[in-house]
Amino acid sequence: MNDSAPQRPLLRVLRGEPSAEELAALTVVLAALARPRPRRRPAPVGAWGWAGHAHRRALHAGPGGWRASGWNA
């Protein structure tokens, strides 16, 4: 890169007089937004989070009824 050539500024303030801290904060936010983020796979949901378990069979009274009231895989 040629050091004698003038460079265009990355940011330009059109109104107001921001402090150095405000410009630094804006620069950090813009740099973070411009950085490509890797795609993340969705976290696997455990068996207890599966919505199908909310729809269980009807409960039956009698011997072994307490066992039928629990979650059966």
PDB file of N, CA and C in Angstrom:
ATOM      1  N   MET A   1       0.846  -1.180   0.000  1.00  0.00           N
ATOM      2  CA  MET A   1       0.000   0.000   0.000  1.00  0.00           C
ATOM      3  C   MET A   1       0.880   1.228   0.000  1.00  0.00           C
ATOM      4  N   ASN A   2       0.474   2.200  -0.719  1.00  0.00           N
ATOM      5  CA  ASN A   2       1.239   3.431  -0.835  1.00  0.00           C
ATOM      6  C   ASN A   2       0.916   4.328   0.351  1.00  0.00           C
ATOM      7  N   ASP A   3       1.943   4.693   1.142  1.00  0.00           N
ATOM      8  CA  ASP A   3       1.729   5.511   2.337  1.00  0.00           C
ATOM      9  C   ASP A   3       1.432   6.967   2.000  1.00  0.00           C
ATOM     10  N   SER A   4       1.834   7.435   0.833  1.00  0.00           N
ATOM     11  CA  SER A   4       1.627   8.843   0.498  1.00  0.00           C
ATOM     12  C   SER A   4       0.218   9.114  -0.020  1.00  0.00           C
ATOM     13  N   ALA A   5      -0.510   8.077  -0.446  1.00  0.00           N
ATOM     14  CA  ALA A   5      -1.863   8.270  -0.956  1.00  0.00           C
ATOM     15  C   ALA A   5      -2.829   8.496   0.204  1.00  0.00           C
ATOM     16  N   PRO A   6      -3.696   9.500   0.101  1.00  0.00           N
ATOM     17  CA  PRO A   6      -4.660   9.737   1.185  1.00  0.00           C
ATOM     18  C   PRO A   6      -5.692   8.598   1.240  1.00  0.00           C
ATOM     19  N   GLN A   7      -6.064   8.244   2.451  1.00  0.00           N
ATOM     20  CA  GLN A   7      -7.029   7.173   2.650  1.00  0.00           C
ATOM     21  C   GLN A   7      -8.378   7.768   3.036  1.00  0.00           C
ATOM     22  N   ARG A   8      -9.451   7.111   2.570  1.00  0.00           N
ATOM     23  CA  ARG A   8     -10.787   7.536   2.963  1.00  0.00           C
ATOM     24  C   ARG A   8     -11.071   7.005   4.362  1.00  0.00           C
ATOM     25  N   PRO A   9     -11.690   7.792   5.216  1.00  0.00           N
ATOM     26  CA  PRO A   9     -12.030   7.299   6.551  1.00  0.00           C
ATOM     27  C   PRO A   9     -13.119   6.239   6.484  1.00  0.00           C
ATOM     28  N   LEU A  10     -13.071   5.285   7.425  1.00  0.00           N
ATOM     29  CA  LEU A  10     -14.089   4.252   7.484  1.00  0.00           C
ATOM     30  C   LEU A  10     -15.414   4.796   8.021  1.00  0.00           C
ATOM     31  N   LEU A  11     -15.335   5.727   8.951  1.00  0.00           N
ATOM     32  CA  LEU A  11     -16.527   6.347   9.538  1.00  0.00           C
ATOM     33  C   LEU A  11     -16.436   7.853   9.373  1.00  0.00           C
ATOM     34  N   ARG A  12     -17.596   8.474   9.228  1.00  0.00           N
ATOM     35  CA  ARG A  12     -17.629   9.918   9.113  1.00  0.00           C
ATOM     36  C   ARG A  12     -18.779  10.429   9.958  1.00  0.00           C
ATOM     37  N   VAL A  13     -18.512  11.384  10.818  1.00  0.00           N
ATOM     38  CA  VAL A  13     -19.534  11.972  11.681  1.00  0.00           C
ATOM     39  C   VAL A  13     -20.186  13.112  10.914  1.00  0.00           C
ATOM     40  N   LEU A  14     -21.512  13.009  10.751  1.00  0.00           N
ATOM     41  CA  LEU A  14     -22.228  14.041  10.009  1.00  0.00           C
ATOM     42  C   LEU A  14     -22.780  15.135  10.921  1.00  0.00           C
ATOM     43  N   ARG A  15     -23.175  14.748  12.140  1.00  0.00           N
ATOM     44  CA  ARG A  15     -23.717  15.727  13.080  1.00  0.00           C
ATOM     45  C   ARG A  15     -23.187  15.430  14.473  1.00  0.00           C
ATOM     46  N   GLY A  16     -23.062  16.449  15.255  1.00  0.00           N
ATOM     47  CA  GLY A  16     -22.653  16.279  16.644  1.00  0.00           C
ATOM     48  C   GLY A  16     -21.150  16.129  16.790  1.00  0.00           C
ATOM     49  N   GLU A  17     -20.727  15.968  18.012  1.00  0.00           N
ATOM     50  CA  GLU A  17     -19.310  15.813  18.327  1.00  0.00           C
ATOM     51  C   GLU A  17     -19.158  14.643  19.296  1.00  0.00           C
ATOM     52  N   PRO A  18     -19.098  13.401  18.779  1.00  0.00           N
ATOM     53  CA  PRO A  18     -18.963  12.248  19.673  1.00  0.00           C
ATOM     54  C   PRO A  18     -17.583  12.215  20.318  1.00  0.00           C
ATOM     55  N   SER A  19     -17.545  11.661  21.510  1.00  0.00           N
ATOM     56  CA  SER A  19     -16.259  11.536  22.206  1.00  0.00           C
ATOM     57  C   SER A  19     -15.483  10.364  21.612  1.00  0.00           C
ATOM     58  N   ALA A  20     -14.232  10.258  21.990  1.00  0.00           N
ATOM     59  CA  ALA A  20     -13.398   9.156  21.508  1.00  0.00           C
ATOM     60  C   ALA A  20     -13.968   7.813  21.971  1.00  0.00           C
ATOM     61  N   GLU A  21     -14.527   7.767  23.177  1.00  0.00           N
ATOM     62  CA  GLU A  21     -15.112   6.530  23.696  1.00  0.00           C
ATOM     63  C   GLU A  21     -16.342   6.127  22.891  1.00  0.00           C
ATOM     64  N   GLU A  22     -17.173   7.095  22.523  1.00  0.00           N
ATOM     65  CA  GLU A  22     -18.361   6.792  21.728  1.00  0.00           C
ATOM     66  C   GLU A  22     -17.979   6.275  20.338  1.00  0.00           C
ATOM     67  N   LEU A  23     -16.969   6.873  19.721  1.00  0.00           N
ATOM     68  CA  LEU A  23     -16.511   6.397  18.419  1.00  0.00           C
ATOM     69  C   LEU A  23     -15.907   5.007  18.523  1.00  0.00           C
ATOM     70  N   ALA A  24     -15.187   4.748  19.606  1.00  0.00           N
ATOM     71  CA  ALA A  24     -14.605   3.422  19.803  1.00  0.00           C
ATOM     72  C   ALA A  24     -15.700   2.377  19.977  1.00  0.00           C
ATOM     73  N   ALA A  25     -16.730   2.699  20.739  1.00  0.00           N
ATOM     74  CA  ALA A  25     -17.830   1.757  20.947  1.00  0.00           C
ATOM     75  C   ALA A  25     -18.551   1.477  19.626  1.00  0.00           C
ATOM     76  N   LEU A  26     -18.786   2.489  18.832  1.00  0.00           N
ATOM     77  CA  LEU A  26     -19.438   2.313  17.536  1.00  0.00           C
ATOM     78  C   LEU A  26     -18.578   1.458  16.615  1.00  0.00           C
ATOM     79  N   THR A  27     -17.280   1.679  16.618  1.00  0.00           N
ATOM     80  CA  THR A  27     -16.364   0.910  15.780  1.00  0.00           C
ATOM     81  C   THR A  27     -16.382  -0.560  16.163  1.00  0.00           C
ATOM     82  N   VAL A  28     -16.405  -0.849  17.457  1.00  0.00           N
ATOM     83  CA  VAL A  28     -16.433  -2.242  17.920  1.00  0.00           C
ATOM     84  C   VAL A  28     -17.729  -2.925  17.488  1.00  0.00           C
ATOM     85  N   VAL A  29     -18.853  -2.240  17.615  1.00  0.00           N
ATOM     86  CA  VAL A  29     -20.136  -2.823  17.233  1.00  0.00           C
ATOM     87  C   VAL A  29     -20.176  -3.094  15.731  1.00  0.00           C
ATOM     88  N   LEU A  30     -19.733  -2.150  14.933  1.00  0.00           N
ATOM     89  CA  LEU A  30     -19.748  -2.339  13.484  1.00  0.00           C
ATOM     90  C   LEU A  30     -18.787  -3.444  13.050  1.00  0.00           C
ATOM     91  N   ALA A  31     -17.637  -3.539  13.691  1.00  0.00           N
ATOM     92  CA  ALA A  31     -16.683  -4.602  13.358  1.00  0.00           C
ATOM     93  C   ALA A  31     -17.253  -5.966  13.726  1.00  0.00           C
ATOM     94  N   ALA A  32     -17.955  -6.051  14.850  1.00  0.00           N
ATOM     95  CA  ALA A  32     -18.550  -7.326  15.265  1.00  0.00           C
ATOM     96  C   ALA A  32     -19.665  -7.741  14.310  1.00  0.00           C
ATOM     97  N   LEU A  33     -20.437  -6.790  13.818  1.00  0.00           N
ATOM     98  CA  LEU A  33     -21.516  -7.108  12.883  1.00  0.00           C
ATOM     99  C   LEU A  33     -20.977  -7.508  11.511  1.00  0.00           C
ATOM    100  N   ALA A  34     -19.838  -6.969  11.124  1.00  0.00           N
ATOM    101  CA  ALA A  34     -19.267  -7.255   9.810  1.00  0.00           C
ATOM    102  C   ALA A  34     -18.546  -8.596   9.774  1.00  0.00           C
ATOM    103  N   ARG A  35     -18.171  -9.126  10.926  1.00  0.00           N
ATOM    104  CA  ARG A  35     -17.424 -10.384  10.978  1.00  0.00           C
ATOM    105  C   ARG A  35     -18.354 -11.544  10.654  1.00  0.00           C
ATOM    106  N   PRO A  36     -17.943 -12.414   9.734  1.00  0.00           N
ATOM    107  CA  PRO A  36     -18.808 -13.566   9.433  1.00  0.00           C
ATOM    108  C   PRO A  36     -18.854 -14.519  10.620  1.00  0.00           C
ATOM    109  N   ARG A  37     -20.063 -14.946  10.962  1.00  0.00           N
ATOM    110  CA  ARG A  37     -20.236 -15.855  12.094  1.00  0.00           C
ATOM    111  C   ARG A  37     -20.408 -17.277  11.577  1.00  0.00           C
ATOM    112  N   PRO A  38     -19.779 -18.253  12.210  1.00  0.00           N
ATOM    113  CA  PRO A  38     -19.969 -19.631  11.758  1.00  0.00           C
ATOM    114  C   PRO A  38     -21.386 -20.099  12.079  1.00  0.00           C
ATOM    115  N   ARG A  39     -21.929 -20.933  11.206  1.00  0.00           N
ATOM    116  CA  ARG A  39     -23.260 -21.484  11.453  1.00  0.00           C
ATOM    117  C   ARG A  39     -23.160 -22.534  12.545  1.00  0.00           C
ATOM    118  N   ARG A  40     -24.082 -22.491  13.458  1.00  0.00           N
ATOM    119  CA  ARG A  40     -24.092 -23.445  14.553  1.00  0.00           C
ATOM    120  C   ARG A  40     -25.273 -24.385  14.383  1.00  0.00           C
ATOM    121  N   ARG A  41     -25.030 -25.629  14.652  1.00  0.00           N
ATOM    122  CA  ARG A  41     -26.122 -26.601  14.630  1.00  0.00           C
ATOM    123  C   ARG A  41     -26.985 -26.384  15.867  1.00  0.00           C
ATOM    124  N   PRO A  42     -28.268 -26.589  15.742  1.00  0.00           N
ATOM    125  CA  PRO A  42     -29.106 -26.464  16.942  1.00  0.00           C
ATOM    126  C   PRO A  42     -28.747 -27.557  17.944  1.00  0.00           C
ATOM    127  N   ALA A  43     -28.801 -27.208  19.194  1.00  0.00           N
ATOM    128  CA  ALA A  43     -28.470 -28.168  20.254  1.00  0.00           C
ATOM    129  C   ALA A  43     -29.521 -29.271  20.270  1.00  0.00           C
ATOM    130  N   PRO A  44     -29.082 -30.509  20.410  1.00  0.00           N
ATOM    131  CA  PRO A  44     -30.066 -31.589  20.454  1.00  0.00           C
ATOM    132  C   PRO A  44     -30.942 -31.473  21.701  1.00  0.00           C
ATOM    133  N   VAL A  45     -32.191 -31.776  21.532  1.00  0.00           N
ATOM    134  CA  VAL A  45     -33.135 -31.710  22.644  1.00  0.00           C
ATOM    135  C   VAL A  45     -33.206 -33.088  23.276  1.00  0.00           C
ATOM    136  N   GLY A  46     -33.114 -33.125  24.575  1.00  0.00           N
ATOM    137  CA  GLY A  46     -33.207 -34.391  25.280  1.00  0.00           C
ATOM    138  C   GLY A  46     -34.603 -34.984  25.163  1.00  0.00           C
ATOM    139  N   ALA A  47     -34.728 -36.228  25.563  1.00  0.00           N
ATOM    140  CA  ALA A  47     -36.008 -36.915  25.453  1.00  0.00           C
ATOM    141  C   ALA A  47     -37.090 -36.234  26.290  1.00  0.00           C
ATOM    142  N   TRP A  48     -36.724 -35.598  27.384  1.00  0.00           N
ATOM    143  CA  TRP A  48     -37.732 -34.948  28.224  1.00  0.00           C
ATOM    144  C   TRP A  48     -38.276 -33.679  27.582  1.00  0.00           C
ATOM    145  N   GLY A  49     -37.529 -33.120  26.625  1.00  0.00           N
ATOM    146  CA  GLY A  49     -37.991 -31.916  25.959  1.00  0.00           C
ATOM    147  C   GLY A  49     -38.819 -32.189  24.724  1.00  0.00           C
ATOM    148  N   TRP A  50     -39.023 -33.449  24.372  1.00  0.00           N
ATOM    149  CA  TRP A  50     -39.774 -33.790  23.176  1.00  0.00           C
ATOM    150  C   TRP A  50     -41.254 -33.511  23.406  1.00  0.00           C
ATOM    151  N   ALA A  51     -41.888 -32.810  22.492  1.00  0.00           N
ATOM    152  CA  ALA A  51     -43.284 -32.407  22.668  1.00  0.00           C
ATOM    153  C   ALA A  51     -44.236 -33.591  22.615  1.00  0.00           C
ATOM    154  N   GLY A  52     -43.837 -34.689  22.026  1.00  0.00           N
ATOM    155  CA  GLY A  52     -44.709 -35.852  21.929  1.00  0.00           C
ATOM    156  C   GLY A  52     -45.031 -36.471  23.275  1.00  0.00           C
ATOM    157  N   HIS A  53     -44.195 -36.229  24.264  1.00  0.00           N
ATOM    158  CA  HIS A  53     -44.449 -36.792  25.590  1.00  0.00           C
ATOM    159  C   HIS A  53     -45.560 -36.054  26.326  1.00  0.00           C
ATOM    160  N   ALA A  54     -45.937 -34.896  25.830  1.00  0.00           N
ATOM    161  CA  ALA A  54     -47.041 -34.164  26.458  1.00  0.00           C
ATOM    162  C   ALA A  54     -48.373 -34.831  26.134  1.00  0.00           C
ATOM    163  N   HIS A  55     -48.397 -35.671  25.105  1.00  0.00           N
ATOM    164  CA  HIS A  55     -49.630 -36.347  24.688  1.00  0.00           C
ATOM    165  C   HIS A  55     -49.506 -37.825  25.047  1.00  0.00           C
ATOM    166  N   ARG A  56     -49.828 -38.140  26.259  1.00  0.00           N
ATOM    167  CA  ARG A  56     -49.687 -39.530  26.692  1.00  0.00           C
ATOM    168  C   ARG A  56     -51.046 -40.208  26.763  1.00  0.00           C
ATOM    169  N   ARG A  57     -50.994 -41.512  26.942  1.00  0.00           N
ATOM    170  CA  ARG A  57     -52.231 -42.288  27.041  1.00  0.00           C
ATOM    171  C   ARG A  57     -52.973 -41.944  28.328  1.00  0.00           C
ATOM    172  N   ALA A  58     -54.241 -42.273  28.337  1.00  0.00           N
ATOM    173  CA  ALA A  58     -55.062 -42.020  29.522  1.00  0.00           C
ATOM    174  C   ALA A  58     -54.574 -42.882  30.683  1.00  0.00           C
ATOM    175  N   LEU A  59     -54.708 -42.364  31.888  1.00  0.00           N
ATOM    176  CA  LEU A  59     -54.304 -43.092  33.078  1.00  0.00           C
ATOM    177  C   LEU A  59     -55.415 -44.051  33.505  1.00  0.00           C
ATOM    178  N   HIS A  60     -55.032 -45.239  33.966  1.00  0.00           N
ATOM    179  CA  HIS A  60     -56.000 -46.238  34.392  1.00  0.00           C
ATOM    180  C   HIS A  60     -55.788 -46.539  35.871  1.00  0.00           C
ATOM    181  N   ALA A  61     -56.868 -46.546  36.590  1.00  0.00           N
ATOM    182  CA  ALA A  61     -56.791 -46.879  38.004  1.00  0.00           C
ATOM    183  C   ALA A  61     -56.682 -48.396  38.157  1.00  0.00           C
ATOM    184  N   GLY A  62     -56.071 -48.818  39.259  1.00  0.00           N
ATOM    185  CA  GLY A  62     -55.976 -50.248  39.521  1.00  0.00           C
ATOM    186  C   GLY A  62     -54.535 -50.670  39.715  1.00  0.00           C
ATOM    187  N   PRO A  63     -54.298 -51.976  39.770  1.00  0.00           N
ATOM    188  CA  PRO A  63     -52.952 -52.473  39.985  1.00  0.00           C
ATOM    189  C   PRO A  63     -52.013 -52.026  38.858  1.00  0.00           C
ATOM    190  N   GLY A  64     -50.870 -51.467  39.259  1.00  0.00           N
ATOM    191  CA  GLY A  64     -49.880 -50.998  38.285  1.00  0.00           C
ATOM    192  C   GLY A  64     -50.196 -49.617  37.695  1.00  0.00           C
ATOM    193  N   GLY A  65     -51.260 -48.989  38.173  1.00  0.00           N
ATOM    194  CA  GLY A  65     -51.640 -47.671  37.644  1.00  0.00           C
ATOM    195  C   GLY A  65     -50.597 -46.624  37.932  1.00  0.00           C
ATOM    196  N   TRP A  66     -49.960 -46.702  39.082  1.00  0.00           N
ATOM    197  CA  TRP A  66     -48.916 -45.720  39.399  1.00  0.00           C
ATOM    198  C   TRP A  66     -47.744 -45.856  38.439  1.00  0.00           C
ATOM    199  N   ARG A  67     -47.471 -47.068  38.009  1.00  0.00           N
ATOM    200  CA  ARG A  67     -46.363 -47.267  37.072  1.00  0.00           C
ATOM    201  C   ARG A  67     -46.720 -46.694  35.697  1.00  0.00           C
ATOM    202  N   ALA A  68     -47.955 -46.801  35.289  1.00  0.00           N
ATOM    203  CA  ALA A  68     -48.398 -46.268  33.995  1.00  0.00           C
ATOM    204  C   ALA A  68     -48.431 -44.752  33.977  1.00  0.00           C
ATOM    205  N   SER A  69     -48.439 -44.134  35.169  1.00  0.00           N
ATOM    206  CA  SER A  69     -48.515 -42.680  35.227  1.00  0.00           C
ATOM    207  C   SER A  69     -47.172 -42.014  34.912  1.00  0.00           C
ATOM    208  N   GLY A  70     -46.091 -42.769  34.958  1.00  0.00           N
ATOM    209  CA  GLY A  70     -44.778 -42.208  34.657  1.00  0.00           C
ATOM    210  C   GLY A  70     -44.485 -42.220  33.180  1.00  0.00           C
ATOM    211  N   TRP A  71     -43.344 -41.652  32.849  1.00  0.00           N
ATOM    212  CA  TRP A  71     -42.929 -41.578  31.445  1.00  0.00           C
ATOM    213  C   TRP A  71     -42.319 -42.911  31.053  1.00  0.00           C
ATOM    214  N   ASN A  72     -42.830 -43.528  30.004  1.00  0.00           N
ATOM    215  CA  ASN A  72     -42.307 -44.788  29.495  1.00  0.00           C
ATOM    216  C   ASN A  72     -41.693 -44.544  28.132  1.00  0.00           C
ATOM    217  N   ALA A  73     -40.456 -44.941  27.985  1.00  0.00           N
ATOM    218  CA  ALA A  73     -39.762 -44.730  26.701  1.00  0.00           C
ATOM    219  C   ALA A  73     -40.236 -45.709  25.668  1.00  0.00           C
TER     220      ALA A  73
END
